[in-house]
Every structure is written in C-alpha cells, then in structure tokens.
Protein backbone atom coordinates (compact mmCIF):
# COMPACT_ATOMS: atom_id res chain seq x y z
CA GLN A 1 187.79 132.34 54.28
CA ASN A 2 190.39 134.39 52.45
CA LEU A 3 193.87 133.54 53.61
CA GLU A 4 197.05 135.08 52.36
CA THR A 5 199.39 132.83 50.44
CA PRO A 6 201.48 131.01 51.17
CA TRP A 7 198.96 129.54 53.60
CA PRO A 8 199.94 129.66 57.26
CA ARG A 9 200.24 126.61 59.48
CA CYS A 10 197.11 125.48 61.29
CA GLN A 11 198.49 126.73 64.63
CA ASP A 12 199.22 130.16 63.22
CA ILE A 13 195.64 130.94 62.22
CA ARG A 14 194.06 129.69 65.47
CA ARG A 15 190.70 129.13 63.83
CA THR A 16 188.05 127.02 65.50
CA HIS A 17 187.55 123.89 63.49
CA GLU A 18 183.94 122.96 62.96
CA GLU A 19 182.35 119.55 63.25
CA PRO A 20 180.23 118.47 60.28
CA GLU A 21 176.51 118.36 61.01
CA ALA A 22 173.58 116.77 59.19
CA GLY A 23 173.03 118.58 55.90
CA ASP A 24 176.63 119.80 55.61
CA SER A 25 178.85 118.83 52.70
CA LEU A 26 182.51 118.10 53.23
CA VAL A 27 185.38 118.44 50.77
CA VAL A 28 188.64 116.77 51.81
CA VAL A 29 191.81 118.04 50.14
CA SER A 30 195.12 116.26 50.53
CA GLN A 31 197.99 117.42 48.38
CA SER A 32 201.54 116.46 47.61
CA TRP A 33 204.13 118.88 48.89
CA SER A 34 206.25 120.56 46.24
CA HIS A 35 208.78 121.74 48.85
CA GLN A 36 210.11 120.17 52.02
CA MET A 37 208.96 122.87 54.46
CA HIS A 38 205.67 124.01 52.90
CA PRO A 39 203.20 122.35 50.51
CA ASP A 40 202.70 125.48 48.40
CA PRO A 41 205.14 128.32 49.10
CA THR A 42 204.15 130.22 45.95
CA GLY A 43 200.37 130.00 46.38
CA VAL A 44 199.83 128.39 42.96
CA LYS A 45 198.17 125.28 44.41
CA ALA A 46 196.07 127.42 46.76
CA ARG A 47 194.50 129.21 43.80
CA GLU A 48 193.81 125.88 42.08
CA ILE A 49 192.30 124.39 45.24
CA ILE A 50 190.08 127.43 45.82
CA SER A 51 188.88 127.29 42.21
CA ALA A 52 188.11 123.56 42.49
CA VAL A 53 186.24 124.02 45.78
CA LYS A 54 184.15 126.82 44.25
CA THR A 55 183.27 124.52 41.34
CA VAL A 56 182.27 121.77 43.76
CA ALA A 57 180.17 124.22 45.78
CA VAL A 58 178.21 125.22 42.69
CA LYS A 59 177.66 121.61 41.65
CA LEU A 60 176.63 120.45 45.13
CA ARG A 61 174.28 123.34 45.85
CA ALA A 62 174.28 122.08 49.41
CA GLU A 63 171.59 123.26 51.78
CA GLY A 64 173.96 123.15 54.73
CA ARG A 65 177.47 124.45 55.03
CA LEU A 66 180.30 123.47 52.73
CA LEU A 67 183.19 122.52 55.00
CA VAL A 68 186.68 122.10 53.57
CA PHE A 69 189.37 119.99 55.22
CA ILE A 70 192.81 120.86 53.88
CA ASP A 71 195.51 118.85 55.59
CA PHE A 72 198.01 121.70 56.04
CA LEU A 73 195.37 124.10 57.39
CA SER A 74 193.42 121.58 59.44
CA MET A 75 196.06 119.82 61.49
CA PRO A 76 199.14 121.10 63.33
CA GLN A 77 202.39 121.31 61.41
CA PRO A 78 205.96 121.41 62.72
CA PRO A 79 207.60 124.84 62.93
CA MET A 80 209.24 125.90 59.68
CA TYR A 81 211.01 128.97 61.03
CA PRO A 82 212.73 129.74 64.35
CA GLU A 83 210.20 132.48 65.20
CA GLN A 84 207.25 130.06 65.08
CA ASP A 85 205.92 128.46 68.24
CA PRO A 86 207.54 125.09 68.97
CA TRP A 87 205.73 121.78 68.63
CA THR A 88 203.71 120.92 71.73
CA GLU A 89 202.12 117.86 73.28
CA GLU A 90 198.77 119.45 72.39
CA ASP A 91 199.86 119.48 68.73
CA THR A 92 200.74 115.78 68.95
CA LEU A 93 197.33 114.95 70.42
CA ALA A 94 195.54 117.04 67.80
CA VAL A 95 197.36 115.23 64.98
CA GLN A 96 196.45 111.87 66.52
CA GLN A 97 192.79 112.90 66.68
CA VAL A 98 192.80 114.03 63.06
CA MET A 99 194.54 110.85 61.90
CA GLU A 100 191.93 108.75 63.71
CA ALA A 101 189.11 110.76 62.10
CA LEU A 102 190.53 110.79 58.55
CA PRO A 103 189.00 107.48 57.43
CA GLN A 104 185.58 108.80 58.49
CA LEU A 105 186.21 112.12 56.75
CA MET A 106 187.54 110.65 53.54
CA PHE A 107 185.44 107.57 53.01
CA LYS A 108 182.15 108.11 54.82
CA ALA A 109 181.53 111.84 54.47
C-alpha cells in the first residue's frame, strides 16, 4: 500500500486489518519516535522501513501474503491535531486487543 508521508494515524486510514493465515509471512515493525506527536513527521523512516520490507519480501519469497504490522499504522493513536477525531472507547479496546496479541505477533509469528 502506498501511503503519503508522514503516515496517517491508524484511525485516519480506516483500513481493514487482516488476520494472518497459514502460509502468510508477517513482518512486525516497532520504531522509536523521533518526535513527541508523530514517529516520523518527515517520512525518512517510512522510506527506510519500506526498503527493508521489500528486501525481506525478496528474501522470504513467501507463497502466501506478506503482512506488515507497523505499530503507528496498526493500532489507534491519540489525536495530534484539534481537527482529528477524538479518542474513543473503541480505540481503547482496539489498543488492548493489539497489546494482548503482540507477544503472539512478535515471538511466535
């Protein structure tokens, strides 16, 4: 998926997240944030992450899909600007679900 940089919050792209299935490969990306309100406001890290994922895709040559979990894009984030939708109870529940699934994603995928 080609996203503009800086990457939008998870809630702002409203993509359906996909569950890994047998035969899929999963890449989990967690990054340090260079700024308080956004992990990569200039898009420099995004380009590096995309390049690394492409390299992994070539090396894996997976038969199934290559799914990528990027923390900022895959779980709700607090609003950074007044015009963004406020945090909701649904966001809280979604973050809890992701946090419960992270050990499975990161260590057993």
